[in-house]
Amino acid sequence: MNIDNTFTLKDGRKLGYAEHGDLAGFPVFGLHGTPGSRVWFTEEDETLQKLNIRFITTDRPGYGISDFYPDRKIIDYAQDIAQLADHLSIDKFSVMGVSGGGIFAATCAHELPTRVIKAGLISTTDEFEKGRPPKEMSRENRTAFNLARRLPWLLKFVFWQQKKVLDRHPDKYIAGVRKNIGHLCPSDQAVMKQEGIAETMLEHMREALRPGVEGIVSEAKLATGKWGFDVANIQVPVEVWHGTADTMAPVSAIEQLATKIPHCETHFIKDKGHFLTEDIALWEAILSSMKASQAI
């Protein structure tokens, strides 16, 4: 497992990435949420080895050890992945995005049809209508997206305060994660009470915000805008995995998105919430679905 790799893109930006699992296995690019980083799933190496999956995670611009890219568009990220795949001598691959990463997985499927074998959209959402998050989304998430769209300076302040707590008072952050779960469904509340989950979130968030808060604020604002492509033109197979009780990315939005994608298989998990990947059986099923019988 190599988690602190960097690669220089054609435009001179540095891209951070990690490799997990079986390095000779089937390649799957895992795209983190908003916010997030490449250190996502560093503890899942044994599962990935068992499934013979080479799992590559990256830091999107402004997260972790990747350079910030102030003028980027959503569709730009597909070329970052394509260049990294070239660097790693990978021709064809699957790509899966969790939560805010789903947008970017869909982008790769659209922009790289000759290279992406399958795309997975896990606990994600549709393009926001008129830039407004769906009313079924939790108030906490709606507030963050609305601030990104209308008052990005205020969202920067909020995340700077969070970064201070992460860096200076990690125990307070962990206590807050365990306490502030009222907006989550029962399934997700149970996940948040599991031993080690809050500590894992601390490390994930600390790495995501390591370089500052520009990355998260910029990306949250991007997520409220137009994606820059029509999902109806995606030609590669897509699998949707979503909990019916998800309050952070309501199922109604993904149901709508799935109807627009031509070759889309849906898995709606009854009474499950946002954190599907914390269920080991579901996680293995999702990973297995990303593997293809097609030779690379």
Foldseek 3Di string as FASTA:
>chain_A
DAFFDWDQDPVGWIKGKGKAEQLPAAEEEEEEAQQWARCPPVVVRVLRNVLRYTYMYIHPDQFFPTHHDQPDALLVVLVVVVVVCVVSVQQAHAYEYAARGQLNQLSNLQPPVVHHQEYEYELYFAADDVLAADPLAFPVLRVLLVCLAPPLVVNQVVVVVVLCCLVPPVVVQLVCQLPPCPLFAPQVNVVSPDPPPSVVVSVGSNSGQVVGCSVSSSSSPSSSDDNPDFLLNRDHAYEYEAECRENNHHPVRVVVVQVSHDRYHYHYHYRHYRPQCSPPVSVSVSVSVRDDPDDD
